[in-house]
N, C-alpha and C. Protein backbone atom coordinates (compact mmCIF):
# COMPACT_ATOMS: atom_id res chain seq x y z
N MET A 1 -9.46 1.42 41.67
CA MET A 1 -10.00 0.25 42.31
C MET A 1 -9.15 -0.94 42.01
N LYS A 2 -8.72 -1.06 40.76
CA LYS A 2 -7.86 -2.21 40.35
C LYS A 2 -6.54 -2.18 41.10
N GLN A 3 -5.98 -0.96 41.29
CA GLN A 3 -4.70 -0.85 41.96
C GLN A 3 -4.82 -1.24 43.43
N ARG A 4 -5.91 -0.89 44.04
CA ARG A 4 -6.15 -1.27 45.44
C ARG A 4 -6.24 -2.77 45.61
N LEU A 5 -6.95 -3.43 44.67
CA LEU A 5 -7.08 -4.86 44.74
C LEU A 5 -5.75 -5.56 44.48
N LEU A 6 -4.98 -4.98 43.57
CA LEU A 6 -3.62 -5.54 43.33
C LEU A 6 -2.73 -5.36 44.54
N ALA A 7 -2.80 -4.16 45.16
CA ALA A 7 -1.99 -3.94 46.39
C ALA A 7 -2.42 -4.86 47.48
N LEU A 8 -3.70 -5.12 47.63
CA LEU A 8 -4.20 -6.08 48.61
C LEU A 8 -3.72 -7.48 48.37
N ALA A 9 -3.78 -7.88 47.07
CA ALA A 9 -3.26 -9.23 46.70
C ALA A 9 -1.77 -9.36 46.96
N ILE A 10 -1.00 -8.35 46.65
CA ILE A 10 0.43 -8.38 46.91
C ILE A 10 0.72 -8.48 48.39
N ALA A 11 0.00 -7.69 49.16
CA ALA A 11 0.19 -7.76 50.64
C ALA A 11 -0.22 -9.11 51.20
N LEU A 12 -1.30 -9.65 50.68
CA LEU A 12 -1.75 -10.98 51.19
C LEU A 12 -0.71 -12.05 50.79
N LEU A 13 -0.21 -12.01 49.59
CA LEU A 13 0.79 -12.95 49.18
C LEU A 13 2.07 -12.80 50.01
N SER A 14 2.48 -11.60 50.30
CA SER A 14 3.72 -11.36 50.97
C SER A 14 3.67 -11.74 52.43
N ALA A 15 2.62 -11.37 53.12
CA ALA A 15 2.56 -11.54 54.57
C ALA A 15 1.48 -12.47 55.06
N GLY A 16 0.66 -12.99 54.20
CA GLY A 16 -0.42 -13.84 54.65
C GLY A 16 -0.01 -15.15 55.28
N TRP A 17 1.21 -15.61 55.03
CA TRP A 17 1.68 -16.86 55.62
C TRP A 17 1.83 -16.79 57.11
N VAL A 18 1.85 -15.59 57.65
CA VAL A 18 2.05 -15.45 59.07
C VAL A 18 0.80 -16.00 59.83
N LEU A 19 -0.38 -15.83 59.30
CA LEU A 19 -1.57 -16.26 60.00
C LEU A 19 -1.61 -17.80 60.19
N PRO A 20 -1.40 -18.60 59.15
CA PRO A 20 -1.38 -20.06 59.42
C PRO A 20 -0.26 -20.50 60.34
N LEU A 21 0.88 -19.82 60.26
CA LEU A 21 1.98 -20.15 61.17
C LEU A 21 1.62 -19.81 62.59
N TRP A 22 0.99 -18.67 62.76
CA TRP A 22 0.56 -18.26 64.15
C TRP A 22 -0.48 -19.23 64.69
N CYS A 23 -1.43 -19.70 63.89
CA CYS A 23 -2.41 -20.71 64.28
C CYS A 23 -1.72 -21.98 64.68
N GLY A 24 -0.70 -22.41 63.94
CA GLY A 24 0.01 -23.62 64.26
C GLY A 24 0.75 -23.51 65.55
N VAL A 25 1.44 -22.43 65.78
CA VAL A 25 2.19 -22.21 67.02
C VAL A 25 1.21 -22.15 68.19
N GLU A 26 0.11 -21.45 67.99
CA GLU A 26 -0.87 -21.38 69.05
C GLU A 26 -1.45 -22.75 69.44
N ALA A 27 -1.70 -23.53 68.43
CA ALA A 27 -2.23 -24.91 68.71
C ALA A 27 -1.18 -25.76 69.40
N TRP A 28 0.05 -25.63 69.04
CA TRP A 28 1.17 -26.40 69.67
C TRP A 28 1.28 -25.96 71.12
N LEU A 29 1.25 -24.69 71.40
CA LEU A 29 1.36 -24.20 72.79
C LEU A 29 0.17 -24.63 73.64
N THR A 30 -1.02 -24.62 73.00
CA THR A 30 -2.24 -25.03 73.69
C THR A 30 -2.15 -26.53 74.10
N PHE A 31 -1.59 -27.32 73.20
CA PHE A 31 -1.41 -28.74 73.47
C PHE A 31 -0.60 -28.92 74.74
N TRP A 32 0.52 -28.20 74.85
CA TRP A 32 1.37 -28.32 75.98
C TRP A 32 0.77 -27.69 77.27
N GLN A 33 -0.01 -26.62 77.11
CA GLN A 33 -0.66 -26.05 78.29
C GLN A 33 -1.77 -26.92 78.86
N ARG A 34 -2.39 -27.75 78.02
CA ARG A 34 -3.48 -28.56 78.47
C ARG A 34 -3.05 -29.98 78.84
N GLY A 35 -1.82 -30.15 79.21
CA GLY A 35 -1.36 -31.47 79.67
C GLY A 35 -0.91 -32.39 78.56
N GLY A 36 -0.18 -31.86 77.64
CA GLY A 36 0.31 -32.71 76.50
C GLY A 36 1.28 -33.82 76.96
N THR A 37 1.98 -33.56 78.06
CA THR A 37 2.91 -34.61 78.51
C THR A 37 2.18 -35.83 79.03
N ALA A 38 1.01 -35.63 79.64
CA ALA A 38 0.23 -36.76 80.13
C ALA A 38 -0.25 -37.64 78.97
N SER A 39 -0.73 -37.01 77.93
CA SER A 39 -1.22 -37.80 76.81
C SER A 39 -0.10 -38.49 76.03
N LEU A 40 1.07 -37.90 76.04
CA LEU A 40 2.25 -38.57 75.42
C LEU A 40 2.72 -39.75 76.13
N GLN A 41 2.49 -39.73 77.48
CA GLN A 41 2.97 -40.86 78.34
C GLN A 41 1.89 -41.92 78.47
N GLY A 42 0.82 -41.84 77.70
CA GLY A 42 -0.21 -42.85 77.69
C GLY A 42 -1.39 -42.58 78.59
N GLY A 43 -1.39 -41.39 79.23
CA GLY A 43 -2.50 -41.01 80.11
C GLY A 43 -3.66 -40.59 79.28
N PRO A 44 -4.77 -40.26 79.99
CA PRO A 44 -5.96 -39.81 79.23
C PRO A 44 -5.72 -38.41 78.66
N PRO A 45 -6.08 -38.22 77.44
CA PRO A 45 -5.94 -36.86 76.87
C PRO A 45 -6.91 -35.93 77.48
N GLY A 46 -6.50 -34.71 77.68
CA GLY A 46 -7.39 -33.70 78.31
C GLY A 46 -8.41 -33.16 77.33
N ASP A 47 -8.24 -33.40 76.09
CA ASP A 47 -9.12 -32.86 75.06
C ASP A 47 -9.09 -33.76 73.83
N SER A 48 -10.15 -33.82 73.07
CA SER A 48 -10.16 -34.70 71.92
C SER A 48 -9.68 -33.99 70.63
N PHE A 49 -9.40 -32.73 70.66
CA PHE A 49 -8.97 -31.99 69.51
C PHE A 49 -7.54 -32.38 69.17
N PRO A 50 -7.24 -32.70 67.90
CA PRO A 50 -5.89 -33.14 67.47
C PRO A 50 -4.96 -31.94 67.33
N TYR A 51 -4.49 -31.41 68.46
CA TYR A 51 -3.65 -30.19 68.45
C TYR A 51 -2.40 -30.34 67.62
N LEU A 52 -1.70 -31.47 67.79
CA LEU A 52 -0.43 -31.59 67.10
C LEU A 52 -0.62 -31.78 65.58
N ALA A 53 -1.64 -32.51 65.19
CA ALA A 53 -1.95 -32.66 63.76
C ALA A 53 -2.36 -31.32 63.12
N PHE A 54 -3.14 -30.56 63.90
CA PHE A 54 -3.53 -29.25 63.38
C PHE A 54 -2.34 -28.31 63.24
N ALA A 55 -1.50 -28.35 64.31
CA ALA A 55 -0.28 -27.48 64.28
C ALA A 55 0.60 -27.87 63.08
N SER A 56 0.74 -29.17 62.82
CA SER A 56 1.56 -29.65 61.73
C SER A 56 0.97 -29.17 60.40
N ALA A 57 -0.32 -29.28 60.24
CA ALA A 57 -0.95 -28.88 58.96
C ALA A 57 -0.82 -27.36 58.75
N CYS A 58 -0.99 -26.59 59.81
CA CYS A 58 -0.85 -25.15 59.71
C CYS A 58 0.57 -24.76 59.35
N SER A 59 1.52 -25.42 59.93
CA SER A 59 2.92 -25.17 59.63
C SER A 59 3.26 -25.51 58.19
N LYS A 60 2.70 -26.59 57.68
CA LYS A 60 2.94 -26.96 56.27
C LYS A 60 2.33 -25.92 55.32
N VAL A 61 1.13 -25.49 55.65
CA VAL A 61 0.49 -24.46 54.78
C VAL A 61 1.32 -23.19 54.77
N ALA A 62 1.76 -22.79 55.99
CA ALA A 62 2.57 -21.54 56.05
C ALA A 62 3.88 -21.68 55.33
N SER A 63 4.50 -22.84 55.40
CA SER A 63 5.78 -23.06 54.76
C SER A 63 5.62 -23.03 53.22
N VAL A 64 4.58 -23.64 52.71
CA VAL A 64 4.37 -23.68 51.28
C VAL A 64 4.04 -22.22 50.82
N TRP A 65 3.22 -21.57 51.54
CA TRP A 65 2.84 -20.19 51.22
C TRP A 65 4.07 -19.29 51.20
N LEU A 66 4.95 -19.41 52.19
CA LEU A 66 6.18 -18.62 52.25
C LEU A 66 7.07 -18.97 51.05
N ALA A 67 7.19 -20.22 50.71
CA ALA A 67 8.07 -20.67 49.63
C ALA A 67 7.56 -20.07 48.30
N VAL A 68 6.21 -20.07 48.12
CA VAL A 68 5.65 -19.50 46.91
C VAL A 68 5.88 -17.98 46.86
N ALA A 69 5.69 -17.33 47.98
CA ALA A 69 5.97 -15.82 48.02
C ALA A 69 7.45 -15.54 47.74
N ILE A 70 8.32 -16.27 48.35
CA ILE A 70 9.76 -16.04 48.05
C ILE A 70 10.09 -16.31 46.59
N GLY A 71 9.51 -17.42 46.07
CA GLY A 71 9.76 -17.73 44.65
C GLY A 71 9.26 -16.67 43.70
N ILE A 72 8.08 -16.15 43.97
CA ILE A 72 7.49 -15.12 43.09
C ILE A 72 8.33 -13.81 43.20
N TRP A 73 8.70 -13.43 44.42
CA TRP A 73 9.55 -12.22 44.58
C TRP A 73 10.91 -12.38 43.94
N ALA A 74 11.49 -13.56 44.09
CA ALA A 74 12.80 -13.81 43.48
C ALA A 74 12.70 -13.74 41.95
N TYR A 75 11.64 -14.32 41.41
CA TYR A 75 11.43 -14.29 39.95
C TYR A 75 11.26 -12.82 39.48
N LEU A 76 10.43 -12.06 40.19
CA LEU A 76 10.23 -10.70 39.76
C LEU A 76 11.50 -9.87 39.93
N GLY A 77 12.25 -10.08 40.97
CA GLY A 77 13.53 -9.38 41.17
C GLY A 77 14.54 -9.70 40.09
N ALA A 78 14.66 -11.00 39.77
CA ALA A 78 15.57 -11.41 38.71
C ALA A 78 15.19 -10.86 37.37
N ARG A 79 13.88 -10.86 37.12
CA ARG A 79 13.41 -10.30 35.85
C ARG A 79 13.66 -8.82 35.71
N ALA A 80 13.52 -8.08 36.84
CA ALA A 80 13.82 -6.65 36.83
C ALA A 80 15.30 -6.39 36.59
N CYS A 81 16.14 -7.23 37.23
CA CYS A 81 17.57 -7.10 37.05
C CYS A 81 18.02 -7.35 35.62
N LEU A 82 17.45 -8.38 35.06
CA LEU A 82 17.78 -8.72 33.66
C LEU A 82 17.28 -7.61 32.69
N ARG A 83 16.17 -6.96 32.96
CA ARG A 83 15.69 -5.89 32.14
C ARG A 83 16.67 -4.73 32.16
N GLN A 84 17.21 -4.42 33.37
CA GLN A 84 18.11 -3.24 33.48
C GLN A 84 19.42 -3.53 32.85
N MET A 85 19.79 -4.78 32.72
CA MET A 85 21.10 -5.14 32.09
C MET A 85 21.04 -5.02 30.61
N ARG A 86 19.88 -4.98 29.99
CA ARG A 86 19.72 -4.90 28.53
C ARG A 86 19.99 -3.53 28.02
């Protein structure tokens, strides 16, 4: 049971950043599909949802998550290499 939970945590750390990135890209595309050019030119917005702010926040979360995952894997890889050199 512990190994399954550990495997799930590793998988979530490694690939979980894709979900917030996907949500951000989807919000960005929805903004443009619903007349984003009209609202940027001063026209009435087609919707009151802040698509671009949400897309930006999702992208930031995904970027930080990816940076943490890369940092952890780099640390573990470097530690394993140093162990083998001893």
